[in-house]
C-alpha atoms as a PDB file:
ATOM      1  CA  MET A   1      -9.857  -6.081  57.530  1.00  0.00           C
ATOM      2  CA  LYS A   2     -10.286  -9.827  57.152  1.00  0.00           C
ATOM      3  CA  LEU A   3      -7.569  -9.939  54.452  1.00  0.00           C
ATOM      4  CA  ALA A   4      -5.168  -8.024  56.681  1.00  0.00           C
ATOM      5  CA  ALA A   5      -6.021 -10.269  59.598  1.00  0.00           C
ATOM      6  CA  GLY A   6      -5.487 -13.314  57.382  1.00  0.00           C
ATOM      7  CA  ILE A   7      -2.054 -12.061  56.303  1.00  0.00           C
ATOM      8  CA  ARG A   8      -1.040 -11.318  59.901  1.00  0.00           C
ATOM      9  CA  GLY A   9      -1.746 -14.880  60.852  1.00  0.00           C
ATOM     10  CA  THR A  10       0.632 -16.238  58.201  1.00  0.00           C
ATOM     11  CA  THR A  11       4.313 -16.815  58.449  1.00  0.00           C
ATOM     12  CA  ARG A  12       6.839 -14.609  56.711  1.00  0.00           C
ATOM     13  CA  VAL A  13       7.502 -17.322  54.061  1.00  0.00           C
ATOM     14  CA  GLN A  14       3.778 -17.593  53.309  1.00  0.00           C
ATOM     15  CA  ARG A  15       3.480 -13.796  52.902  1.00  0.00           C
ATOM     16  CA  ILE A  16       6.447 -13.660  50.516  1.00  0.00           C
ATOM     17  CA  SER A  17       4.988 -16.570  48.548  1.00  0.00           C
ATOM     18  CA  LEU A  18       1.627 -14.768  48.298  1.00  0.00           C
ATOM     19  CA  ILE A  19       3.257 -11.541  47.101  1.00  0.00           C
ATOM     20  CA  ALA A  20       5.334 -13.495  44.541  1.00  0.00           C
ATOM     21  CA  ALA A  21       2.208 -15.275  43.257  1.00  0.00           C
ATOM     22  CA  ILE A  22       0.380 -11.946  42.840  1.00  0.00           C
ATOM     23  CA  GLY A  23       3.416 -10.522  41.022  1.00  0.00           C
ATOM     24  CA  LEU A  24       3.667 -13.507  38.671  1.00  0.00           C
ATOM     25  CA  GLY A  25      -0.054 -13.262  37.967  1.00  0.00           C
ATOM     26  CA  ALA A  26       0.317  -9.608  37.011  1.00  0.00           C
ATOM     27  CA  LEU A  27       3.300 -10.359  34.779  1.00  0.00           C
ATOM     28  CA  SER A  28       1.545 -13.213  33.026  1.00  0.00           C
ATOM     29  CA  ALA A  29      -1.453 -10.977  32.267  1.00  0.00           C
ATOM     30  CA  THR A  30       0.797  -8.377  30.601  1.00  0.00           C
ATOM     31  CA  GLY A  31       3.252 -10.798  28.979  1.00  0.00           C
ATOM     32  CA  CYS A  32       1.307 -11.125  25.722  1.00  0.00           C
ATOM     33  CA  SER A  33       1.948  -7.511  24.763  1.00  0.00           C
ATOM     34  CA  TYR A  34       5.631  -7.963  25.521  1.00  0.00           C
ATOM     35  CA  ILE A  35       6.012 -10.897  23.131  1.00  0.00           C
ATOM     36  CA  ASN A  36       3.468  -9.962  20.442  1.00  0.00           C
ATOM     37  CA  PRO A  37       3.509  -6.637  18.571  1.00  0.00           C
ATOM     38  CA  GLN A  38       0.635  -4.267  19.232  1.00  0.00           C
ATOM     39  CA  SER A  39      -1.761  -4.330  16.301  1.00  0.00           C
ATOM     40  CA  THR A  40      -2.541  -0.621  16.717  1.00  0.00           C
ATOM     41  CA  THR A  41       1.057   0.239  15.752  1.00  0.00           C
ATOM     42  CA  MET A  42       0.933  -1.642  12.421  1.00  0.00           C
ATOM     43  CA  HIS A  43       0.165   0.115   9.127  1.00  0.00           C
ATOM     44  CA  ILE A  44      -2.260  -1.815   6.942  1.00  0.00           C
ATOM     45  CA  SER A  45      -4.089  -1.133   3.695  1.00  0.00           C
ATOM     46  CA  PRO A  46      -7.821  -1.305   4.382  1.00  0.00           C
ATOM     47  CA  SER A  47      -8.568  -2.009   0.731  1.00  0.00           C
ATOM     48  CA  ASP A  48      -7.717  -4.430  -2.045  1.00  0.00           C
ATOM     49  CA  GLY A  49      -4.507  -2.525  -2.870  1.00  0.00           C
ATOM     50  CA  VAL A  50      -1.191  -2.109  -1.056  1.00  0.00           C
ATOM     51  CA  ARG A  51       0.742   0.865   0.262  1.00  0.00           C
ATOM     52  CA  THR A  52       4.348   1.978   0.016  1.00  0.00           C
ATOM     53  CA  ASP A  53       6.471   5.114   0.249  1.00  0.00           C
ATOM     54  CA  LEU A  54       9.081   6.174  -2.279  1.00  0.00           C
ATOM     55  CA  GLY A  55      11.096   9.211  -1.207  1.00  0.00           C
ATOM     56  CA  LYS A  56       8.623  12.080  -0.937  1.00  0.00           C
ATOM     57  CA  LEU A  57       5.837  10.072  -2.622  1.00  0.00           C
ATOM     58  CA  GLU A  58       3.218   8.157  -0.657  1.00  0.00           C
ATOM     59  CA  LEU A  59       1.393   5.513  -2.702  1.00  0.00           C
ATOM     60  CA  ARG A  60      -1.830   4.150  -1.221  1.00  0.00           C
ATOM     61  CA  ASN A  61      -4.199   1.343  -2.245  1.00  0.00           C
ATOM     62  CA  ILE A  62      -2.174   0.493  -5.369  1.00  0.00           C
ATOM     63  CA  LEU A  63      -3.391  -2.436  -7.504  1.00  0.00           C
ATOM     64  CA  VAL A  64      -3.683  -3.459 -11.157  1.00  0.00           C
ATOM     65  CA  ALA A  65      -6.982  -4.246 -12.926  1.00  0.00           C
ATOM     66  CA  SER A  66      -6.487  -6.673 -15.829  1.00  0.00           C
ATOM     67  CA  ASN A  67      -8.264  -9.481 -17.687  1.00  0.00           C
ATOM     68  CA  GLY A  68      -5.277 -11.763 -17.218  1.00  0.00           C
ATOM     69  CA  LYS A  69      -1.724 -12.682 -18.061  1.00  0.00           C
ATOM     70  CA  ASP A  70      -0.252 -10.950 -21.156  1.00  0.00           C
ATOM     71  CA  GLU A  71      -3.212  -8.545 -21.215  1.00  0.00           C
ATOM     72  CA  PRO A  72      -3.098  -4.774 -20.545  1.00  0.00           C
ATOM     73  CA  GLY A  73      -3.592  -3.614 -16.964  1.00  0.00           C
ATOM     74  CA  ARG A  74      -4.726  -0.348 -15.392  1.00  0.00           C
ATOM     75  CA  VAL A  75      -2.833   0.894 -12.325  1.00  0.00           C
ATOM     76  CA  LEU A  76      -5.251   2.142  -9.649  1.00  0.00           C
ATOM     77  CA  GLY A  77      -4.731   3.936  -6.326  1.00  0.00           C
ATOM     78  CA  ALA A  78      -3.662   7.307  -4.937  1.00  0.00           C
ATOM     79  CA  VAL A  79      -0.307   9.101  -4.968  1.00  0.00           C
ATOM     80  CA  PHE A  80       0.601  11.954  -2.615  1.00  0.00           C
ATOM     81  CA  ASN A  81       3.603  14.271  -3.050  1.00  0.00           C
ATOM     82  CA  THR A  82       4.854  15.571   0.314  1.00  0.00           C
ATOM     83  CA  SER A  83       7.620  17.725  -1.204  1.00  0.00           C
ATOM     84  CA  THR A  84       7.409  21.317  -2.475  1.00  0.00           C
ATOM     85  CA  SER A  85       8.265  20.437  -6.114  1.00  0.00           C
ATOM     86  CA  PRO A  86       6.509  18.356  -8.781  1.00  0.00           C
ATOM     87  CA  ILE A  87       7.708  14.734  -8.946  1.00  0.00           C
ATOM     88  CA  THR A  88       7.514  12.441 -11.965  1.00  0.00           C
ATOM     89  CA  LEU A  89       6.564   8.857 -11.115  1.00  0.00           C
ATOM     90  CA  THR A  90       7.284   6.095 -13.641  1.00  0.00           C
ATOM     91  CA  ILE A  91       5.590   2.736 -13.052  1.00  0.00           C
ATOM     92  CA  SER A  92       7.208  -0.106 -15.005  1.00  0.00           C
ATOM     93  CA  GLY A  93       5.649  -3.532 -15.417  1.00  0.00           C
ATOM     94  CA  ALA A  94       6.228  -6.704 -17.429  1.00  0.00           C
ATOM     95  CA  ALA A  95       7.886  -6.788 -20.855  1.00  0.00           C
ATOM     96  CA  GLY A  96       9.038  -3.171 -20.602  1.00  0.00           C
ATOM     97  CA  SER A  97       5.543  -1.702 -20.330  1.00  0.00           C
ATOM     98  CA  GLN A  98       5.307   1.496 -18.316  1.00  0.00           C
ATOM     99  CA  THR A  99       3.151   4.465 -17.496  1.00  0.00           C
ATOM    100  CA  GLN A 100       4.161   7.844 -16.121  1.00  0.00           C
ATOM    101  CA  LEU A 101       2.528  10.687 -14.227  1.00  0.00           C
ATOM    102  CA  VAL A 102       3.561  14.000 -12.733  1.00  0.00           C
ATOM    103  CA  VAL A 103       2.403  14.471  -9.147  1.00  0.00           C
ATOM    104  CA  ALA A 104       1.993  18.088  -8.026  1.00  0.00           C
ATOM    105  CA  PRO A 105       3.051  18.973  -4.471  1.00  0.00           C
ATOM    106  CA  GLY A 106       0.274  18.984  -1.882  1.00  0.00           C
ATOM    107  CA  VAL A 107      -2.373  17.784  -4.348  1.00  0.00           C
ATOM    108  CA  PRO A 108      -3.299  14.077  -4.396  1.00  0.00           C
ATOM    109  CA  SER A 109      -3.266  12.308  -7.757  1.00  0.00           C
ATOM    110  CA  TYR A 110      -5.939   9.633  -7.958  1.00  0.00           C
ATOM    111  CA  LEU A 111      -5.456   6.803 -10.414  1.00  0.00           C
ATOM    112  CA  THR A 112      -9.125   5.998 -10.877  1.00  0.00           C
ATOM    113  CA  GLY A 113      -9.439   5.070 -14.533  1.00  0.00           C
ATOM    114  CA  GLU A 114     -11.695   8.066 -15.081  1.00  0.00           C
ATOM    115  CA  SER A 115      -9.061  10.753 -14.456  1.00  0.00           C
ATOM    116  CA  ASP A 116      -5.913   9.172 -15.913  1.00  0.00           C
ATOM    117  CA  ALA A 117      -4.441   6.838 -18.491  1.00  0.00           C
ATOM    118  CA  ALA A 118      -2.195   4.775 -16.193  1.00  0.00           C
ATOM    119  CA  ILE A 119      -2.271   1.632 -18.324  1.00  0.00           C
ATOM    120  CA  LEU A 120       0.487  -0.953 -18.658  1.00  0.00           C
ATOM    121  CA  ASP A 121       0.656  -2.753 -22.047  1.00  0.00           C
ATOM    122  CA  THR A 122       1.295  -6.128 -20.448  1.00  0.00           C
ATOM    123  CA  VAL A 123       0.645  -7.726 -17.057  1.00  0.00           C
ATOM    124  CA  SER A 124       2.585 -10.908 -16.271  1.00  0.00           C
ATOM    125  CA  ALA A 125       0.393 -12.100 -13.372  1.00  0.00           C
ATOM    126  CA  THR A 126      -3.058 -13.642 -13.454  1.00  0.00           C
ATOM    127  CA  PRO A 127      -5.907 -12.066 -11.464  1.00  0.00           C
ATOM    128  CA  GLY A 128      -5.796 -13.117  -7.833  1.00  0.00           C
ATOM    129  CA  THR A 129      -1.988 -13.097  -7.729  1.00  0.00           C
ATOM    130  CA  MET A 130       0.658 -10.377  -7.302  1.00  0.00           C
ATOM    131  CA  GLU A 131       2.312  -8.336 -10.081  1.00  0.00           C
ATOM    132  CA  SER A 132       5.838  -7.008  -9.569  1.00  0.00           C
ATOM    133  CA  LEU A 133       6.149  -3.305 -10.409  1.00  0.00           C
ATOM    134  CA  LYS A 134       9.187  -1.038 -10.487  1.00  0.00           C
ATOM    135  CA  LEU A 135       8.600   2.534  -9.307  1.00  0.00           C
ATOM    136  CA  THR A 136      10.998   5.337 -10.226  1.00  0.00           C
ATOM    137  CA  GLN A 137      10.678   8.854  -8.846  1.00  0.00           C
ATOM    138  CA  THR A 138      12.450  11.733 -10.573  1.00  0.00           C
ATOM    139  CA  GLY A 139      12.428  15.239  -9.193  1.00  0.00           C
ATOM    140  CA  PRO A 140      13.949  16.105  -5.831  1.00  0.00           C
ATOM    141  CA  GLY A 141      16.168  13.026  -5.448  1.00  0.00           C
ATOM    142  CA  GLU A 142      15.782  10.097  -7.859  1.00  0.00           C
ATOM    143  CA  GLN A 143      14.812   6.821  -6.199  1.00  0.00           C
ATOM    144  CA  THR A 144      13.711   3.389  -7.375  1.00  0.00           C
ATOM    145  CA  LEU A 145      11.684   0.700  -5.610  1.00  0.00           C
ATOM    146  CA  GLU A 146      10.296  -2.688  -6.625  1.00  0.00           C
ATOM    147  CA  PHE A 147       7.162  -4.013  -4.940  1.00  0.00           C
ATOM    148  CA  SER A 148       4.285  -6.370  -5.604  1.00  0.00           C
ATOM    149  CA  VAL A 149       0.672  -5.336  -6.044  1.00  0.00           C
ATOM    150  CA  PRO A 150      -2.506  -7.436  -6.341  1.00  0.00           C
ATOM    151  CA  VAL A 151      -4.081  -8.033  -9.746  1.00  0.00           C
ATOM    152  CA  VAL A 152      -7.881  -7.973  -9.937  1.00  0.00           C
ATOM    153  CA  ASP A 153     -10.189  -8.627 -12.874  1.00  0.00           C
ATOM    154  CA  GLY A 154     -13.750  -7.640 -13.726  1.00  0.00           C
ATOM    155  CA  THR A 155     -15.300 -10.413 -11.636  1.00  0.00           C
ATOM    156  CA  LEU A 156     -16.194  -7.878  -8.957  1.00  0.00           C
ATOM    157  CA  GLU A 157     -18.622  -5.210 -10.124  1.00  0.00           C
ATOM    158  CA  ASP A 158     -16.443  -2.421  -8.656  1.00  0.00           C
ATOM    159  CA  TYR A 159     -13.577  -3.268 -11.038  1.00  0.00           C
ATOM    160  CA  LYS A 160     -15.506  -4.344 -14.144  1.00  0.00           C
ATOM    161  CA  HIS A 161     -15.447  -0.885 -15.765  1.00  0.00           C
ATOM    162  CA  LEU A 162     -11.753  -0.331 -14.848  1.00  0.00           C
ATOM    163  CA  VAL A 163     -10.282  -3.328 -16.679  1.00  0.00           C
ATOM    164  CA  PRO A 164      -8.742  -2.202 -20.001  1.00  0.00           C
ATOM    165  CA  THR A 165     -10.485  -3.866 -22.926  1.00  0.00           C
ATOM    166  CA  SER A 166      -7.843  -3.452 -25.640  1.00  0.00           C
ATOM    167  CA  THR A 167      -4.103  -3.027 -25.991  1.00  0.00           C
ATOM    168  CA  PRO A 168      -3.023   0.640 -25.793  1.00  0.00           C
ATOM    169  CA  THR A 169      -1.718   2.230 -28.991  1.00  0.00           C
ATOM    170  CA  GLY A 170       1.639   3.182 -27.479  1.00  0.00           C
ATOM    171  CA  THR A 171       1.246   6.940 -27.918  1.00  0.00           C
ATOM    172  CA  ALA A 172       1.362   9.451 -25.106  1.00  0.00           C
ATOM    173  CA  VAL A 173      -2.129  10.624 -24.239  1.00  0.00           C
ATOM    174  CA  PRO A 174      -2.487  13.501 -21.740  1.00  0.00           C
ATOM    175  CA  THR A 175      -5.549  13.319 -19.530  1.00  0.00           C
ATOM    176  CA  GLU A 176      -7.089  15.232 -16.639  1.00  0.00           C
ATOM    177  CA  THR A 177      -6.005  14.648 -13.031  1.00  0.00           C
ATOM    178  CA  ALA A 178      -6.883  16.046  -9.637  1.00  0.00           C
ATOM    179  CA  SER A 179      -4.900  19.217 -10.355  1.00  0.00           C
ATOM    180  CA  PRO A 180      -4.362  21.319 -13.480  1.00  0.00           C
ATOM    181  CA  SER A 181      -0.596  21.176 -12.865  1.00  0.00           C
ATOM    182  CA  ALA A 182      -0.560  17.377 -12.524  1.00  0.00           C
ATOM    183  CA  THR A 183      -0.738  15.389 -15.728  1.00  0.00           C
ATOM    184  CA  ALA A 184      -0.787  11.691 -16.442  1.00  0.00           C
ATOM    185  CA  THR A 185       0.534  10.142 -19.634  1.00  0.00           C
ATOM    186  CA  GLU A 186       0.764   6.669 -20.966  1.00  0.00           C
ATOM    187  CA  THR A 187       4.045   5.519 -22.440  1.00  0.00           C
ATOM    188  CA  SER A 188       4.631   2.057 -23.868  1.00  0.00           C
ATOM    189  CA  HIS A 189       7.798   0.177 -24.659  1.00  0.00           C
ATOM    190  CA  SER A 190       7.663  -3.167 -26.423  1.00  0.00           C
END
């Protein structure tokens, strides 16, 4: 009642000024979300690796474990095939090195070092920097993408056992993956 009585005792100009001040206060309180993007709408990688999509493939937490420049590197992360057909993913690195895997539909392929041989002969970046990789998907619609992934070494205990210790022989070696129909092979080109 006192507020209403206080407003009644003001002039029309004072009332309009009060309403305008309240309106400006409300706008200034909400203005930050108008100018700045909402952080809940951003996609981030909550790990050491990075994420990207390539056609019907979703690559998550991708990184390379290596002892350093001009040394072999193991590609780590997860790959999901959202199509209904198998897709072959070729990951190419420095100096023509590459690795390839077949990703079955609906079954995640985990590049963990224990279930695959996704090793590049040569990494051009030093640990702590970014390595440029070229991804090529063949299957339903061929697509290519280049993106950068972090390079880690065995300094952290979690990666120590994942860093390749010697140069691969260059022969294709089939290994187990998350699915019997998905296989991973290592292919080298010098």
